C-alpha atoms as a PDB file:
ATOM      1  CA  MET A   1       0.000   0.000   0.000  1.00  0.00           C
ATOM      2  CA  LEU A   2       1.238   3.465  -0.894  1.00  0.00           C
ATOM      3  CA  TYR A   3       0.917   6.316   1.586  1.00  0.00           C
ATOM      4  CA  LEU A   4       1.491  10.010   1.010  1.00  0.00           C
ATOM      5  CA  THR A   5       2.826  12.382   3.596  1.00  0.00           C
ATOM      6  CA  MET A   6       1.591  15.930   3.413  1.00  0.00           C
ATOM      7  CA  SER A   7       4.335  18.509   3.553  1.00  0.00           C
ATOM      8  CA  GLU A   8       3.114  21.152   1.139  1.00  0.00           C
ATOM      9  CA  VAL A   9      -0.031  23.185   0.590  1.00  0.00           C
ATOM     10  CA  ILE A  10      -0.756  24.366  -2.935  1.00  0.00           C
ATOM     11  CA  VAL A  11      -3.263  27.151  -3.509  1.00  0.00           C
ATOM     12  CA  LYS A  12      -4.391  27.934  -7.044  1.00  0.00           C
ATOM     13  CA  ASN A  13      -6.866  30.550  -8.210  1.00  0.00           C
ATOM     14  CA  ALA A  14      -9.473  29.808 -10.865  1.00  0.00           C
ATOM     15  CA  GLU A  15     -11.955  32.405 -12.065  1.00  0.00           C
ATOM     16  CA  ASP A  16     -14.602  29.744 -12.687  1.00  0.00           C
ATOM     17  CA  TYR A  17     -15.024  26.015 -13.287  1.00  0.00           C
ATOM     18  CA  HIS A  18     -14.394  26.323 -17.024  1.00  0.00           C
ATOM     19  CA  GLY A  19     -11.504  27.894 -18.902  1.00  0.00           C
ATOM     20  CA  ASN A  20      -8.131  26.671 -17.660  1.00  0.00           C
ATOM     21  CA  LEU A  21      -9.394  24.481 -14.792  1.00  0.00           C
ATOM     22  CA  LYS A  22      -7.916  21.326 -16.328  1.00  0.00           C
ATOM     23  CA  ILE A  23      -4.484  22.978 -16.530  1.00  0.00           C
ATOM     24  CA  ILE A  24      -4.748  24.027 -12.882  1.00  0.00           C
ATOM     25  CA  VAL A  25      -5.817  20.557 -11.683  1.00  0.00           C
ATOM     26  CA  TYR A  26      -3.073  18.858 -13.709  1.00  0.00           C
ATOM     27  CA  ASP A  27      -0.473  21.295 -12.354  1.00  0.00           C
ATOM     28  CA  VAL A  28      -1.453  20.535  -8.753  1.00  0.00           C
ATOM     29  CA  LEU A  29      -1.379  16.789  -9.409  1.00  0.00           C
ATOM     30  CA  ASP A  30       1.972  17.031 -11.207  1.00  0.00           C
ATOM     31  CA  ARG A  31       3.431  18.830  -8.181  1.00  0.00           C
ATOM     32  CA  THR A  32       2.066  16.319  -5.668  1.00  0.00           C
ATOM     33  CA  ILE A  33       1.933  12.892  -7.319  1.00  0.00           C
ATOM     34  CA  GLY A  34       3.492  13.508 -10.722  1.00  0.00           C
ATOM     35  CA  ASN A  35       6.605  11.465  -9.999  1.00  0.00           C
ATOM     36  CA  MET A  36       4.715   8.469  -8.572  1.00  0.00           C
ATOM     37  CA  TYR A  37       4.431   5.237 -10.543  1.00  0.00           C
ATOM     38  CA  LEU A  38       0.665   4.614 -10.653  1.00  0.00           C
ATOM     39  CA  ASP A  39       0.486   2.068 -13.480  1.00  0.00           C
ATOM     40  CA  GLY A  40      -1.876  -0.666 -12.329  1.00  0.00           C
ATOM     41  CA  LEU A  41      -2.356   0.758  -8.829  1.00  0.00           C
ATOM     42  CA  SER A  42      -5.860   1.194  -7.424  1.00  0.00           C
ATOM     43  CA  VAL A  43      -6.657   4.778  -6.470  1.00  0.00           C
ATOM     44  CA  LEU A  44      -9.677   5.942  -4.469  1.00  0.00           C
ATOM     45  CA  VAL A  45     -10.993   9.391  -5.349  1.00  0.00           C
ATOM     46  CA  LYS A  46     -13.094  10.797  -2.492  1.00  0.00           C
ATOM     47  CA  PRO A  47     -15.110  13.782  -3.757  1.00  0.00           C
ATOM     48  CA  ASN A  48     -16.224  15.049  -0.316  1.00  0.00           C
ATOM     49  CA  LEU A  49     -19.978  14.812  -0.868  1.00  0.00           C
ATOM     50  CA  LEU A  50     -21.368  16.779   2.047  1.00  0.00           C
ATOM     51  CA  SER A  51     -24.969  17.002   0.860  1.00  0.00           C
ATOM     52  CA  ALA A  52     -27.138  16.648  -2.224  1.00  0.00           C
ATOM     53  CA  ALA A  53     -26.503  20.142  -3.565  1.00  0.00           C
ATOM     54  CA  SER A  54     -25.968  21.437  -7.088  1.00  0.00           C
ATOM     55  CA  PRO A  55     -22.403  22.341  -8.124  1.00  0.00           C
ATOM     56  CA  GLU A  56     -23.374  26.023  -8.210  1.00  0.00           C
ATOM     57  CA  LYS A  57     -23.885  26.005  -4.430  1.00  0.00           C
ATOM     58  CA  ALA A  58     -20.218  25.003  -3.903  1.00  0.00           C
ATOM     59  CA  VAL A  59     -21.071  22.625  -1.053  1.00  0.00           C
ATOM     60  CA  THR A  60     -19.283  19.655  -2.591  1.00  0.00           C
ATOM     61  CA  THR A  61     -16.256  19.258  -4.826  1.00  0.00           C
ATOM     62  CA  HIS A  62     -17.199  20.447  -8.314  1.00  0.00           C
ATOM     63  CA  PRO A  63     -17.743  17.555 -10.766  1.00  0.00           C
ATOM     64  CA  ARG A  64     -15.271  19.042 -13.271  1.00  0.00           C
ATOM     65  CA  ILE A  65     -12.495  18.812 -10.683  1.00  0.00           C
ATOM     66  CA  ILE A  66     -13.344  15.154 -10.062  1.00  0.00           C
ATOM     67  CA  ARG A  67     -13.424  14.596 -13.830  1.00  0.00           C
ATOM     68  CA  PHE A  68      -9.970  16.098 -14.369  1.00  0.00           C
ATOM     69  CA  VAL A  69      -8.481  14.220 -11.419  1.00  0.00           C
ATOM     70  CA  CYS A  70      -9.829  10.962 -12.867  1.00  0.00           C
ATOM     71  CA  GLU A  71      -8.573  11.826 -16.360  1.00  0.00           C
ATOM     72  CA  TYR A  72      -5.114  12.511 -14.935  1.00  0.00           C
ATOM     73  CA  LEU A  73      -5.099   9.200 -13.065  1.00  0.00           C
ATOM     74  CA  ALA A  74      -6.350   7.340 -16.151  1.00  0.00           C
ATOM     75  CA  GLU A  75      -3.469   8.799 -18.173  1.00  0.00           C
ATOM     76  CA  LYS A  76      -1.150   7.292 -15.533  1.00  0.00           C
ATOM     77  CA  ASN A  77      -2.939   3.908 -16.011  1.00  0.00           C
ATOM     78  CA  ALA A  78      -4.244   3.850 -12.449  1.00  0.00           C
ATOM     79  CA  GLY A  79      -7.364   1.905 -11.527  1.00  0.00           C
ATOM     80  CA  ILE A  80      -9.907   4.473 -10.341  1.00  0.00           C
ATOM     81  CA  THR A  81     -12.731   4.109  -7.834  1.00  0.00           C
ATOM     82  CA  ILE A  82     -14.867   7.090  -6.853  1.00  0.00           C
ATOM     83  CA  SER A  83     -16.457   6.654  -3.437  1.00  0.00           C
ATOM     84  CA  ASP A  84     -17.686   8.661  -0.473  1.00  0.00           C
ATOM     85  CA  SER A  85     -19.937   8.502   2.553  1.00  0.00           C
ATOM     86  CA  PRO A  86     -22.130  11.617   2.479  1.00  0.00           C
ATOM     87  CA  ALA A  87     -22.660  13.426   5.753  1.00  0.00           C
ATOM     88  CA  VAL A  88     -26.379  14.018   5.157  1.00  0.00           C
ATOM     89  CA  GLY A  89     -29.009  13.514   2.488  1.00  0.00           C
ATOM     90  CA  SER A  90     -28.999  11.017  -0.316  1.00  0.00           C
ATOM     91  CA  PHE A  91     -27.596  11.087  -3.815  1.00  0.00           C
END
């Protein structure tokens, strides 16, 4: 099993959830896990689903961010599972 240690915080500004969001997400992932060998490894993506709210309410992680994270992992040939345990409500 592979464990990450957190030693860096990366803050990026995006005007909206369109435009250059993919570039921003890829840059953050390159800086944090870009040098890791993920080929064939199983990766869990936890989107932080706090409640059944639309993306515009910014209660949960925006679906485009999850999409770009999964695309990045797929390009690294990782096995991807998206899972969460919502705090309230149902999806």
